[in-house]
Amino acid sequence: MKDSAEQLPDLPDETSETAPSHQVGVGPWEGPLPEGDHWDPELLANGDARNVVDEYRYWNHDAIVADLDTKRHPFHVAIENWQHDFNIGTVVRTANAFMAKEVHIIGRRRWNRRGAMVTDRYQHVRHHPTVEDFVQWAHGEGLRIIGIDNFPDSVPLETYELPQNCVLVFGQEGPGLSAEVHAAADATLSIAQFGSTRSINAGSAAAIAMHGWIRRHVFGQTVN
């Protein structure tokens, strides 16, 4: 049977990598042209205004993705998308910044890409139509499911030893994690808050949780 968690094809985007009105990036290559299959002739000739780090200036798209694939971290990120959550683009952009292995969209297939700032072109994004499909995939990959939300049984992210091989799951903006994901999670973590608001948005929560994984498994900082 075909895996229900299939890779997403390229979909129409609300953003592009066309240079904005102000100058960004770099202009045409100056001097003798470099050699190598990873260089993009068009970018070398016309300049590179994409949202990429300097290391990847003038590289073609496939070469960038291939190089990133040699460096990705083993944690995954998932977000539920039942009401076309506008935060998903921001989550994808942050996942790219912290080099998550994959981003998983649970629920509706289409999502608002504006906040991704085109980083989804360099990040593997996988779709799961139901929570059941997602959970089956995670168990098959040997990943622990870690929900991020404020439930009575949640434990503080700040004191929890995040496992190396895991998928961090974030709920829909507003209602938060669904009951199905809550029940399937190996643990549910809350983020400490000290003000009057009841919650922070999913994009901010995702950045905090991903950075928690980075602190633990890249910088070796254990919790107290």
N, C-alpha and C. Protein backbone atom coordinates (compact mmCIF):
# COMPACT_ATOMS: atom_id res chain seq x y z
N MET A 1 0.84 -1.19 0.00
CA MET A 1 0.00 0.00 0.00
C MET A 1 0.88 1.24 0.00
N LYS A 2 0.46 2.28 -0.69
CA LYS A 2 1.22 3.51 -0.74
C LYS A 2 1.22 4.19 0.62
N ASP A 3 2.40 4.69 1.03
CA ASP A 3 2.53 5.36 2.32
C ASP A 3 1.69 6.62 2.31
N SER A 4 0.79 6.75 3.29
CA SER A 4 -0.07 7.93 3.34
C SER A 4 0.71 9.19 3.65
N ALA A 5 1.90 9.04 4.25
CA ALA A 5 2.72 10.20 4.59
C ALA A 5 3.68 10.48 3.45
N GLU A 6 3.15 10.82 2.29
CA GLU A 6 3.98 10.99 1.12
C GLU A 6 4.54 12.41 1.06
N GLN A 7 5.65 12.56 0.34
CA GLN A 7 6.27 13.86 0.21
C GLN A 7 5.34 14.81 -0.55
N LEU A 8 5.29 16.05 -0.10
CA LEU A 8 4.45 17.04 -0.76
C LEU A 8 5.09 17.49 -2.06
N PRO A 9 4.32 17.64 -3.13
CA PRO A 9 4.85 18.22 -4.35
C PRO A 9 4.93 19.72 -4.21
N ASP A 10 5.61 20.36 -5.17
CA ASP A 10 5.63 21.81 -5.17
C ASP A 10 4.22 22.34 -5.41
N LEU A 11 3.81 23.28 -4.59
CA LEU A 11 2.49 23.87 -4.72
C LEU A 11 2.63 25.36 -5.01
N PRO A 12 1.60 25.98 -5.57
CA PRO A 12 1.66 27.41 -5.81
C PRO A 12 1.98 28.14 -4.52
N ASP A 13 2.85 29.13 -4.63
CA ASP A 13 3.35 29.83 -3.45
C ASP A 13 2.89 31.28 -3.49
N GLU A 14 2.76 31.87 -2.30
CA GLU A 14 2.38 33.27 -2.21
C GLU A 14 3.60 34.18 -2.18
N THR A 15 4.78 33.58 -2.12
CA THR A 15 6.01 34.35 -2.10
C THR A 15 6.91 33.85 -3.20
N SER A 16 7.94 34.60 -3.50
CA SER A 16 8.92 34.18 -4.48
C SER A 16 10.28 34.67 -4.03
N GLU A 17 11.31 34.20 -4.72
CA GLU A 17 12.65 34.63 -4.39
C GLU A 17 13.10 35.77 -5.30
N THR A 18 12.17 36.41 -5.98
CA THR A 18 12.50 37.56 -6.79
C THR A 18 12.96 38.70 -5.91
N ALA A 19 13.98 39.40 -6.32
CA ALA A 19 14.53 40.47 -5.49
C ALA A 19 13.50 41.56 -5.24
N PRO A 20 13.34 42.04 -4.00
CA PRO A 20 12.43 43.13 -3.72
C PRO A 20 12.98 44.44 -4.24
N SER A 21 12.25 45.53 -3.97
CA SER A 21 12.64 46.82 -4.52
C SER A 21 13.98 47.30 -3.98
N HIS A 22 14.32 46.96 -2.71
CA HIS A 22 15.61 47.35 -2.18
C HIS A 22 16.64 46.27 -2.48
N GLN A 23 17.91 46.64 -2.52
CA GLN A 23 18.95 45.71 -2.91
C GLN A 23 19.26 44.72 -1.78
N VAL A 24 19.18 43.45 -2.09
CA VAL A 24 19.56 42.40 -1.14
C VAL A 24 20.43 41.40 -1.87
N GLY A 25 21.13 40.57 -1.11
CA GLY A 25 21.93 39.54 -1.74
C GLY A 25 23.19 40.09 -2.38
N VAL A 26 23.59 39.46 -3.47
CA VAL A 26 24.82 39.83 -4.16
C VAL A 26 24.55 39.99 -5.65
N GLY A 27 25.37 40.77 -6.31
CA GLY A 27 25.23 40.99 -7.74
C GLY A 27 25.89 39.89 -8.55
N PRO A 28 26.03 40.09 -9.84
CA PRO A 28 26.66 39.09 -10.70
C PRO A 28 28.07 38.76 -10.23
N TRP A 29 28.49 37.53 -10.49
CA TRP A 29 29.83 37.08 -10.11
C TRP A 29 30.88 37.91 -10.83
N GLU A 30 31.90 38.30 -10.12
CA GLU A 30 32.99 39.08 -10.71
C GLU A 30 34.23 38.21 -10.83
N GLY A 31 34.89 38.27 -11.97
CA GLY A 31 36.10 37.49 -12.18
C GLY A 31 35.82 36.20 -12.91
N PRO A 32 36.84 35.34 -13.01
CA PRO A 32 36.66 34.05 -13.71
C PRO A 32 35.55 33.23 -13.05
N LEU A 33 34.75 32.57 -13.86
CA LEU A 33 33.65 31.78 -13.32
C LEU A 33 34.17 30.54 -12.59
N PRO A 34 33.57 30.22 -11.46
CA PRO A 34 34.00 29.03 -10.71
C PRO A 34 33.55 27.76 -11.42
N GLU A 35 34.21 26.66 -11.09
CA GLU A 35 33.86 25.38 -11.70
C GLU A 35 33.19 24.48 -10.68
N GLY A 36 32.24 23.67 -11.15
CA GLY A 36 31.54 22.75 -10.26
C GLY A 36 30.08 22.67 -10.62
N ASP A 37 29.48 21.50 -10.44
CA ASP A 37 28.09 21.30 -10.80
C ASP A 37 27.13 22.01 -9.86
N HIS A 38 27.60 22.44 -8.69
CA HIS A 38 26.69 23.07 -7.73
C HIS A 38 26.41 24.53 -8.06
N TRP A 39 27.17 25.12 -8.95
CA TRP A 39 26.95 26.52 -9.29
C TRP A 39 25.78 26.66 -10.26
N ASP A 40 25.05 27.77 -10.13
CA ASP A 40 23.91 28.05 -11.00
C ASP A 40 24.33 29.11 -12.02
N PRO A 41 24.40 28.78 -13.30
CA PRO A 41 24.87 29.74 -14.31
C PRO A 41 24.06 31.03 -14.34
N GLU A 42 22.75 30.91 -14.17
CA GLU A 42 21.90 32.10 -14.21
C GLU A 42 22.18 33.04 -13.04
N LEU A 43 22.38 32.46 -11.86
CA LEU A 43 22.68 33.28 -10.69
C LEU A 43 24.06 33.92 -10.81
N LEU A 44 25.01 33.17 -11.33
CA LEU A 44 26.35 33.73 -11.52
C LEU A 44 26.29 34.93 -12.47
N ALA A 45 25.44 34.84 -13.47
CA ALA A 45 25.35 35.92 -14.47
C ALA A 45 24.55 37.12 -13.97
N ASN A 46 23.49 36.85 -13.18
CA ASN A 46 22.56 37.93 -12.84
C ASN A 46 22.56 38.34 -11.37
N GLY A 47 23.22 37.58 -10.52
CA GLY A 47 23.21 37.88 -9.10
C GLY A 47 22.27 36.96 -8.34
N ASP A 48 22.42 36.95 -7.02
CA ASP A 48 21.66 36.04 -6.17
C ASP A 48 21.02 36.82 -5.03
N ALA A 49 19.69 36.99 -5.10
CA ALA A 49 18.95 37.73 -4.08
C ALA A 49 18.09 36.82 -3.21
N ARG A 50 18.39 35.52 -3.19
CA ARG A 50 17.58 34.58 -2.42
C ARG A 50 17.84 34.69 -0.92
N ASN A 51 16.90 34.16 -0.16
CA ASN A 51 17.02 34.14 1.30
C ASN A 51 17.85 32.92 1.73
N VAL A 52 19.15 32.97 1.43
CA VAL A 52 20.06 31.89 1.80
C VAL A 52 21.30 32.50 2.45
N VAL A 53 21.98 31.70 3.27
CA VAL A 53 23.21 32.17 3.90
C VAL A 53 24.30 32.32 2.84
N ASP A 54 25.33 33.09 3.17
CA ASP A 54 26.39 33.38 2.19
C ASP A 54 27.05 32.12 1.65
N GLU A 55 27.14 31.08 2.46
CA GLU A 55 27.76 29.83 2.03
C GLU A 55 27.12 29.29 0.76
N TYR A 56 25.81 29.54 0.58
CA TYR A 56 25.08 28.98 -0.55
C TYR A 56 24.82 29.99 -1.67
N ARG A 57 25.47 31.14 -1.62
CA ARG A 57 25.30 32.10 -2.70
C ARG A 57 25.76 31.50 -4.03
N TYR A 58 24.93 31.67 -5.03
CA TYR A 58 25.18 31.23 -6.41
C TYR A 58 25.02 29.71 -6.59
N TRP A 59 24.72 28.96 -5.52
CA TRP A 59 24.50 27.52 -5.67
C TRP A 59 23.12 27.27 -6.28
N ASN A 60 22.97 26.19 -7.02
CA ASN A 60 21.64 25.84 -7.52
C ASN A 60 20.84 25.18 -6.40
N HIS A 61 19.53 25.19 -6.57
CA HIS A 61 18.62 24.71 -5.52
C HIS A 61 18.90 23.27 -5.10
N ASP A 62 19.04 22.37 -6.07
CA ASP A 62 19.24 20.96 -5.75
C ASP A 62 20.53 20.74 -4.98
N ALA A 63 21.56 21.50 -5.30
CA ALA A 63 22.84 21.35 -4.60
C ALA A 63 22.72 21.81 -3.15
N ILE A 64 21.95 22.86 -2.92
CA ILE A 64 21.75 23.35 -1.54
C ILE A 64 21.03 22.30 -0.72
N VAL A 65 19.94 21.76 -1.26
CA VAL A 65 19.17 20.75 -0.53
C VAL A 65 20.03 19.52 -0.26
N ALA A 66 20.81 19.09 -1.24
CA ALA A 66 21.67 17.92 -1.07
C ALA A 66 22.69 18.16 0.04
N ASP A 67 23.25 19.35 0.10
CA ASP A 67 24.23 19.65 1.15
C ASP A 67 23.56 19.71 2.51
N LEU A 68 22.38 20.33 2.59
CA LEU A 68 21.65 20.38 3.84
C LEU A 68 21.31 18.97 4.33
N ASP A 69 21.02 18.06 3.41
CA ASP A 69 20.65 16.70 3.78
C ASP A 69 21.78 15.97 4.49
N THR A 70 23.01 16.42 4.31
CA THR A 70 24.14 15.79 5.00
C THR A 70 24.31 16.34 6.41
N LYS A 71 23.55 17.38 6.77
CA LYS A 71 23.76 18.06 8.04
C LYS A 71 22.53 18.09 8.94
N ARG A 72 21.39 17.62 8.45
CA ARG A 72 20.15 17.79 9.21
C ARG A 72 20.21 17.05 10.54
N HIS A 73 19.56 17.64 11.55
CA HIS A 73 19.48 17.03 12.87
C HIS A 73 18.38 15.95 12.88
N PRO A 74 18.43 15.03 13.85
CA PRO A 74 17.47 13.92 13.84
C PRO A 74 16.08 14.25 14.39
N PHE A 75 15.85 15.46 14.89
CA PHE A 75 14.51 15.78 15.38
C PHE A 75 13.61 16.24 14.24
N HIS A 76 12.32 15.95 14.38
CA HIS A 76 11.31 16.37 13.41
C HIS A 76 10.35 17.35 14.08
N VAL A 77 9.60 18.06 13.27
CA VAL A 77 8.61 19.01 13.76
C VAL A 77 7.28 18.73 13.06
N ALA A 78 6.20 18.75 13.82
CA ALA A 78 4.86 18.54 13.24
C ALA A 78 3.92 19.61 13.76
N ILE A 79 2.96 19.99 12.92
CA ILE A 79 1.96 20.96 13.35
C ILE A 79 0.61 20.56 12.76
N GLU A 80 -0.42 20.65 13.58
CA GLU A 80 -1.77 20.32 13.12
C GLU A 80 -2.34 21.48 12.30
N ASN A 81 -3.05 21.12 11.24
CA ASN A 81 -3.56 22.13 10.31
C ASN A 81 -5.00 21.81 9.94
N TRP A 82 -5.90 22.03 10.89
CA TRP A 82 -7.31 21.74 10.65
C TRP A 82 -8.06 22.98 10.18
N GLN A 83 -7.55 24.17 10.48
CA GLN A 83 -8.24 25.42 10.16
C GLN A 83 -7.36 26.37 9.36
N HIS A 84 -6.42 25.80 8.56
CA HIS A 84 -5.52 26.60 7.74
C HIS A 84 -4.74 27.59 8.61
N ASP A 85 -3.99 27.06 9.56
CA ASP A 85 -3.24 27.86 10.54
C ASP A 85 -2.20 28.74 9.85
N PHE A 86 -2.25 30.05 10.12
CA PHE A 86 -1.32 30.98 9.49
C PHE A 86 0.08 30.89 10.08
N ASN A 87 0.25 30.19 11.21
CA ASN A 87 1.57 30.07 11.84
C ASN A 87 2.47 29.04 11.17
N ILE A 88 1.93 28.19 10.32
CA ILE A 88 2.72 27.09 9.79
C ILE A 88 3.95 27.58 9.03
N GLY A 89 3.80 28.62 8.25
CA GLY A 89 4.95 29.15 7.51
C GLY A 89 6.09 29.55 8.43
N THR A 90 5.76 30.17 9.56
CA THR A 90 6.78 30.56 10.52
C THR A 90 7.45 29.34 11.13
N VAL A 91 6.66 28.30 11.42
CA VAL A 91 7.23 27.06 11.96
C VAL A 91 8.19 26.44 10.97
N VAL A 92 7.83 26.41 9.69
CA VAL A 92 8.70 25.85 8.66
C VAL A 92 9.99 26.65 8.57
N ARG A 93 9.90 27.97 8.60
CA ARG A 93 11.10 28.80 8.52
C ARG A 93 12.03 28.53 9.70
N THR A 94 11.46 28.39 10.90
CA THR A 94 12.27 28.12 12.08
C THR A 94 12.87 26.72 12.01
N ALA A 95 12.12 25.76 11.51
CA ALA A 95 12.64 24.40 11.36
C ALA A 95 13.83 24.38 10.41
N ASN A 96 13.77 25.20 9.37
CA ASN A 96 14.89 25.30 8.44
C ASN A 96 16.10 25.92 9.15
N ALA A 97 15.86 26.95 9.95
CA ALA A 97 16.96 27.62 10.64
C ALA A 97 17.67 26.68 11.61
N PHE A 98 16.90 25.81 12.30
CA PHE A 98 17.48 24.89 13.27
C PHE A 98 17.78 23.51 12.66
N MET A 99 17.62 23.38 11.33
CA MET A 99 17.98 22.17 10.60
C MET A 99 17.23 20.94 11.08
N ALA A 100 15.91 21.08 11.24
CA ALA A 100 15.08 19.90 11.53
C ALA A 100 15.13 18.95 10.34
N LYS A 101 15.00 17.67 10.61
CA LYS A 101 15.06 16.69 9.52
C LYS A 101 13.89 16.86 8.57
N GLU A 102 12.67 16.94 9.12
CA GLU A 102 11.48 17.15 8.30
C GLU A 102 10.45 17.93 9.09
N VAL A 103 9.54 18.57 8.35
CA VAL A 103 8.35 19.19 8.94
C VAL A 103 7.15 18.38 8.48
N HIS A 104 6.22 18.12 9.39
CA HIS A 104 5.04 17.31 9.09
C HIS A 104 3.78 18.13 9.29
N ILE A 105 2.95 18.15 8.28
CA ILE A 105 1.67 18.85 8.33
C ILE A 105 0.58 17.79 8.55
N ILE A 106 -0.14 17.91 9.66
CA ILE A 106 -1.19 16.95 9.99
C ILE A 106 -2.55 17.60 9.73
N GLY A 107 -3.36 16.98 8.90
CA GLY A 107 -4.69 17.53 8.62
C GLY A 107 -4.80 18.04 7.20
N ARG A 108 -5.18 19.29 7.04
CA ARG A 108 -5.35 19.86 5.71
C ARG A 108 -4.01 19.90 4.98
N ARG A 109 -4.05 19.56 3.72
CA ARG A 109 -2.82 19.47 2.93
C ARG A 109 -2.24 20.86 2.61
N ARG A 110 -3.11 21.78 2.26
CA ARG A 110 -2.64 23.12 1.88
C ARG A 110 -2.44 23.97 3.13
N TRP A 111 -1.39 24.77 3.09
CA TRP A 111 -1.08 25.63 4.23
C TRP A 111 -0.54 26.96 3.73
N ASN A 112 -0.65 27.97 4.58
CA ASN A 112 -0.24 29.33 4.23
C ASN A 112 1.29 29.42 4.25
N ARG A 113 1.87 29.61 3.09
CA ARG A 113 3.34 29.59 2.96
C ARG A 113 4.00 30.96 3.15
N ARG A 114 3.22 32.00 3.32
CA ARG A 114 3.81 33.34 3.33
C ARG A 114 4.89 33.47 4.40
N GLY A 115 4.62 32.99 5.61
CA GLY A 115 5.59 33.14 6.70
C GLY A 115 6.84 32.31 6.52
N ALA A 116 6.83 31.35 5.59
CA ALA A 116 8.00 30.51 5.38
C ALA A 116 9.13 31.25 4.68
N MET A 117 8.81 32.36 4.02
CA MET A 117 9.83 33.15 3.32
C MET A 117 10.66 32.28 2.37
N VAL A 118 9.99 31.37 1.69
CA VAL A 118 10.55 30.51 0.65
C VAL A 118 11.48 29.42 1.22
N THR A 119 11.64 29.36 2.55
CA THR A 119 12.50 28.33 3.13
C THR A 119 11.94 26.93 2.94
N ASP A 120 10.64 26.81 2.65
CA ASP A 120 10.06 25.48 2.42
C ASP A 120 10.66 24.80 1.19
N ARG A 121 11.29 25.56 0.31
CA ARG A 121 11.91 24.96 -0.86
C ARG A 121 13.18 24.19 -0.50
N TYR A 122 13.70 24.45 0.67
CA TYR A 122 14.92 23.79 1.12
C TYR A 122 14.67 22.84 2.28
N GLN A 123 13.43 22.76 2.72
CA GLN A 123 13.06 21.94 3.87
C GLN A 123 12.13 20.83 3.43
N HIS A 124 12.38 19.60 3.85
CA HIS A 124 11.49 18.49 3.51
C HIS A 124 10.19 18.63 4.31
N VAL A 125 9.07 18.67 3.60
CA VAL A 125 7.76 18.82 4.22
C VAL A 125 6.91 17.62 3.83
N ARG A 126 6.32 16.98 4.83
CA ARG A 126 5.56 15.74 4.61
C ARG A 126 4.14 15.93 5.14
N HIS A 127 3.18 15.36 4.43
CA HIS A 127 1.77 15.51 4.81
C HIS A 127 1.21 14.22 5.37
N HIS A 128 0.42 14.34 6.45
CA HIS A 128 -0.31 13.22 7.04
C HIS A 128 -1.77 13.63 7.14
N PRO A 129 -2.68 12.99 6.46
CA PRO A 129 -4.08 13.43 6.46
C PRO A 129 -4.78 13.28 7.81
N THR A 130 -4.32 12.34 8.64
CA THR A 130 -4.97 12.12 9.94
C THR A 130 -3.91 11.96 11.02
N VAL A 131 -4.34 12.15 12.27
CA VAL A 131 -3.44 11.92 13.40
C VAL A 131 -3.01 10.47 13.43
N GLU A 132 -3.91 9.56 13.13
CA GLU A 132 -3.59 8.14 13.14
C GLU A 132 -2.45 7.82 12.17
N ASP A 133 -2.52 8.40 10.97
CA ASP A 133 -1.45 8.18 9.99
C ASP A 133 -0.12 8.73 10.51
N PHE A 134 -0.18 9.92 11.12
CA PHE A 134 1.04 10.53 11.65
C PHE A 134 1.66 9.66 12.76
N VAL A 135 0.82 9.21 13.69
CA VAL A 135 1.31 8.41 14.81
C VAL A 135 1.92 7.10 14.31
N GLN A 136 1.26 6.48 13.35
CA GLN A 136 1.79 5.23 12.78
C GLN A 136 3.15 5.47 12.15
N TRP A 137 3.28 6.58 11.42
CA TRP A 137 4.57 6.89 10.81
C TRP A 137 5.65 7.11 11.88
N ALA A 138 5.35 7.90 12.92
CA ALA A 138 6.33 8.20 13.97
C ALA A 138 6.79 6.94 14.67
N HIS A 139 5.85 6.05 15.00
CA HIS A 139 6.22 4.80 15.65
C HIS A 139 7.09 3.94 14.74
N GLY A 140 6.76 3.95 13.45
CA GLY A 140 7.56 3.17 12.49
C GLY A 140 8.98 3.68 12.37
N GLU A 141 9.18 4.98 12.61
CA GLU A 141 10.51 5.58 12.54
C GLU A 141 11.25 5.54 13.88
N GLY A 142 10.59 5.02 14.91
CA GLY A 142 11.23 4.96 16.22
C GLY A 142 11.36 6.32 16.89
N LEU A 143 10.47 7.24 16.58
CA LEU A 143 10.52 8.60 17.14
C LEU A 143 9.56 8.74 18.31
N ARG A 144 9.98 9.39 19.36
CA ARG A 144 9.09 9.69 20.47
C ARG A 144 8.28 10.94 20.12
N ILE A 145 7.00 10.91 20.36
CA ILE A 145 6.10 12.02 20.06
C ILE A 145 6.04 12.92 21.29
N ILE A 146 6.49 14.17 21.12
CA ILE A 146 6.52 15.13 22.21
C ILE A 146 5.59 16.29 21.87
N GLY A 147 4.46 16.38 22.56
CA GLY A 147 3.52 17.47 22.34
C GLY A 147 3.94 18.71 23.12
N ILE A 148 3.64 19.87 22.58
CA ILE A 148 3.92 21.14 23.25
C ILE A 148 2.60 21.86 23.45
N ASP A 149 2.14 21.93 24.71
CA ASP A 149 0.88 22.60 25.02
C ASP A 149 0.71 22.66 26.53
N ASN A 150 -0.21 23.49 26.97
CA ASN A 150 -0.48 23.65 28.40
C ASN A 150 -1.65 22.78 28.83
N PHE A 151 -1.35 21.55 29.20
CA PHE A 151 -2.35 20.63 29.74
C PHE A 151 -2.09 20.42 31.23
N PRO A 152 -3.10 19.98 31.97
CA PRO A 152 -2.86 19.71 33.39
C PRO A 152 -1.75 18.69 33.63
N ASP A 153 -1.55 17.76 32.69
CA ASP A 153 -0.51 16.75 32.88
C ASP A 153 0.81 17.12 32.18
N SER A 154 0.91 18.34 31.65
CA SER A 154 2.14 18.76 30.99
C SER A 154 3.25 18.95 32.02
N VAL A 155 4.47 18.66 31.59
CA VAL A 155 5.64 18.90 32.43
C VAL A 155 6.44 20.04 31.81
N PRO A 156 7.19 20.79 32.60
CA PRO A 156 7.91 21.95 32.06
C PRO A 156 8.97 21.56 31.03
N LEU A 157 8.94 22.20 29.90
CA LEU A 157 9.99 22.03 28.89
C LEU A 157 11.35 22.32 29.50
N GLU A 158 11.39 23.30 30.39
CA GLU A 158 12.66 23.75 30.96
C GLU A 158 13.34 22.69 31.82
N THR A 159 12.60 21.71 32.31
CA THR A 159 13.18 20.68 33.19
C THR A 159 13.13 19.28 32.57
N TYR A 160 12.72 19.19 31.30
CA TYR A 160 12.55 17.90 30.65
C TYR A 160 13.73 17.63 29.73
N GLU A 161 14.28 16.42 29.83
CA GLU A 161 15.38 16.03 28.95
C GLU A 161 14.81 15.57 27.60
N LEU A 162 14.83 16.46 26.64
CA LEU A 162 14.30 16.12 25.32
C LEU A 162 15.10 14.98 24.70
N PRO A 163 14.43 13.95 24.21
CA PRO A 163 15.16 12.85 23.56
C PRO A 163 15.74 13.31 22.23
N GLN A 164 16.81 12.66 21.82
CA GLN A 164 17.46 13.04 20.57
C GLN A 164 16.57 12.73 19.37
N ASN A 165 15.99 11.55 19.36
CA ASN A 165 15.13 11.14 18.24
C ASN A 165 13.67 11.34 18.62
N CYS A 166 13.13 12.44 18.19
CA CYS A 166 11.77 12.78 18.57
C CYS A 166 11.12 13.63 17.49
N VAL A 167 9.80 13.80 17.62
CA VAL A 167 9.07 14.74 16.78
C VAL A 167 8.30 15.66 17.72
N LEU A 168 8.58 16.95 17.60
CA LEU A 168 7.92 17.96 18.41
C LEU A 168 6.62 18.37 17.72
N VAL A 169 5.49 18.24 18.41
CA VAL A 169 4.19 18.46 17.78
C VAL A 169 3.52 19.68 18.38
N PHE A 170 3.01 20.53 17.51
CA PHE A 170 2.35 21.77 17.92
C PHE A 170 0.92 21.78 17.40
N GLY A 171 0.02 22.32 18.20
CA GLY A 171 -1.39 22.30 17.85
C GLY A 171 -1.81 23.50 17.02
N GLN A 172 -3.06 23.47 16.65
CA GLN A 172 -3.68 24.56 15.92
C GLN A 172 -3.71 25.82 16.78
N GLU A 173 -3.43 26.96 16.16
CA GLU A 173 -3.52 28.21 16.91
C GLU A 173 -4.93 28.38 17.47
N GLY A 174 -5.03 28.62 18.77
CA GLY A 174 -6.33 28.75 19.43
C GLY A 174 -6.65 27.52 20.26
N PRO A 175 -7.14 26.44 19.63
CA PRO A 175 -7.49 25.25 20.41
C PRO A 175 -6.30 24.45 20.89
N GLY A 176 -5.14 24.61 20.28
CA GLY A 176 -3.96 23.87 20.71
C GLY A 176 -3.97 22.44 20.19
N LEU A 177 -3.22 21.57 20.87
CA LEU A 177 -3.13 20.17 20.44
C LEU A 177 -4.49 19.50 20.51
N SER A 178 -4.77 18.67 19.52
CA SER A 178 -6.01 17.91 19.55
C SER A 178 -5.94 16.83 20.62
N ALA A 179 -7.11 16.35 21.03
CA ALA A 179 -7.16 15.28 22.02
C ALA A 179 -6.46 14.03 21.52
N GLU A 180 -6.52 13.78 20.21
CA GLU A 180 -5.89 12.59 19.64
C GLU A 180 -4.37 12.64 19.77
N VAL A 181 -3.79 13.79 19.48
CA VAL A 181 -2.33 13.92 19.61
C VAL A 181 -1.94 13.88 21.08
N HIS A 182 -2.71 14.54 21.93
CA HIS A 182 -2.43 14.52 23.36
C HIS A 182 -2.39 13.08 23.89
N ALA A 183 -3.34 12.27 23.46
CA ALA A 183 -3.40 10.89 23.93
C ALA A 183 -2.24 10.06 23.38
N ALA A 184 -1.78 10.37 22.17
CA ALA A 184 -0.73 9.57 21.54
C ALA A 184 0.67 9.99 21.96
N ALA A 185 0.81 11.17 22.56
CA ALA A 185 2.14 11.70 22.88
C ALA A 185 2.81 10.91 24.00
N ASP A 186 4.12 10.72 23.86
CA ASP A 186 4.90 10.11 24.93
C ASP A 186 5.02 11.06 26.12
N ALA A 187 5.01 12.35 25.83
CA ALA A 187 5.02 13.37 26.88
C ALA A 187 4.46 14.65 26.29
N THR A 188 3.87 15.47 27.14
CA THR A 188 3.40 16.79 26.73
C THR A 188 4.10 17.83 27.59
N LEU A 189 4.69 18.82 26.94
CA LEU A 189 5.50 19.80 27.64
C LEU A 189 4.86 21.18 27.58
N SER A 190 5.00 21.92 28.66
CA SER A 190 4.53 23.30 28.71
C SER A 190 5.73 24.23 28.74
N ILE A 191 5.51 25.46 28.29
CA ILE A 191 6.55 26.49 28.29
C ILE A 191 6.23 27.49 29.38
N ALA A 192 7.18 27.77 30.25
CA ALA A 192 6.95 28.66 31.39
C ALA A 192 6.56 30.05 30.91
N GLN A 193 5.49 30.60 31.50
CA GLN A 193 5.03 31.95 31.20
C GLN A 193 4.83 32.69 32.52
N PHE A 194 5.00 34.02 32.48
CA PHE A 194 4.96 34.78 33.72
C PHE A 194 4.06 36.01 33.64
N GLY A 195 3.42 36.23 32.50
CA GLY A 195 2.56 37.39 32.35
C GLY A 195 1.09 37.04 32.47
N SER A 196 0.23 37.90 31.94
CA SER A 196 -1.21 37.71 32.08
C SER A 196 -1.83 36.88 30.96
N THR A 197 -1.12 36.73 29.83
CA THR A 197 -1.69 35.98 28.71
C THR A 197 -1.75 34.50 29.01
N ARG A 198 -2.76 33.84 28.48
CA ARG A 198 -2.93 32.41 28.72
C ARG A 198 -1.99 31.56 27.87
N SER A 199 -1.54 32.11 26.75
CA SER A 199 -0.71 31.29 25.86
C SER A 199 0.14 32.18 24.96
N ILE A 200 1.14 31.58 24.34
CA ILE A 200 1.91 32.23 23.28
C ILE A 200 1.57 31.51 21.98
N ASN A 201 1.79 32.19 20.84
CA ASN A 201 1.34 31.57 19.60
C ASN A 201 2.22 30.40 19.19
N ALA A 202 1.69 29.61 18.28
CA ALA A 202 2.35 28.36 17.90
C ALA A 202 3.72 28.60 17.29
N GLY A 203 3.87 29.68 16.53
CA GLY A 203 5.17 29.96 15.93
C GLY A 203 6.23 30.24 16.98
N SER A 204 5.87 31.01 18.01
CA SER A 204 6.83 31.31 19.09
C SER A 204 7.13 30.06 19.90
N ALA A 205 6.10 29.28 20.21
CA ALA A 205 6.30 28.05 20.98
C ALA A 205 7.21 27.08 20.24
N ALA A 206 7.03 26.99 18.93
CA ALA A 206 7.86 26.09 18.13
C ALA A 206 9.33 26.52 18.19
N ALA A 207 9.59 27.80 18.09
CA ALA A 207 10.97 28.28 18.14
C ALA A 207 11.62 27.97 19.48
N ILE A 208 10.88 28.17 20.56
CA ILE A 208 11.41 27.90 21.90
C ILE A 208 11.72 26.42 22.06
N ALA A 209 10.79 25.55 21.64
CA ALA A 209 10.98 24.12 21.81
C ALA A 209 12.13 23.61 20.94
N MET A 210 12.20 24.06 19.69
CA MET A 210 13.30 23.62 18.83
C MET A 210 14.64 24.06 19.39
N HIS A 211 14.70 25.27 19.90
CA HIS A 211 15.96 25.74 20.46
C HIS A 211 16.32 24.96 21.72
N GLY A 212 15.31 24.50 22.46
CA GLY A 212 15.57 23.63 23.60
C GLY A 212 16.26 22.35 23.17
N TRP A 213 15.83 21.78 22.03
CA TRP A 213 16.49 20.59 21.51
C TRP A 213 17.93 20.91 21.10
N ILE A 214 18.13 22.05 20.46
CA ILE A 214 19.47 22.46 20.02
C ILE A 214 20.41 22.63 21.22
N ARG A 215 19.93 23.28 22.26
CA ARG A 215 20.75 23.47 23.46
C ARG A 215 21.19 22.13 24.05
N ARG A 216 20.28 21.17 24.04
CA ARG A 216 20.57 19.89 24.65
C ARG A 216 21.48 19.02 23.80
N HIS A 217 21.19 18.93 22.50
CA HIS A 217 21.87 17.94 21.66
C HIS A 217 22.95 18.50 20.75
N VAL A 218 23.03 19.81 20.61
CA VAL A 218 24.13 20.42 19.83
C VAL A 218 25.16 21.02 20.78
N PHE A 219 24.66 21.70 21.83
CA PHE A 219 25.58 22.35 22.78
C PHE A 219 25.78 21.55 24.06
N GLY A 220 25.03 20.45 24.22
CA GLY A 220 25.24 19.58 25.36
C GLY A 220 24.86 20.16 26.69
N GLN A 221 23.88 21.07 26.70
CA GLN A 221 23.45 21.69 27.95
C GLN A 221 22.29 20.89 28.54
N THR A 222 22.54 20.23 29.64
CA THR A 222 21.48 19.44 30.29
C THR A 222 20.65 20.34 31.18
N VAL A 223 19.43 19.89 31.49
CA VAL A 223 18.56 20.67 32.35
C VAL A 223 18.93 20.41 33.80
N ASN A 224 18.58 21.34 34.68
CA ASN A 224 18.87 21.20 36.10
C ASN A 224 17.75 20.45 36.82
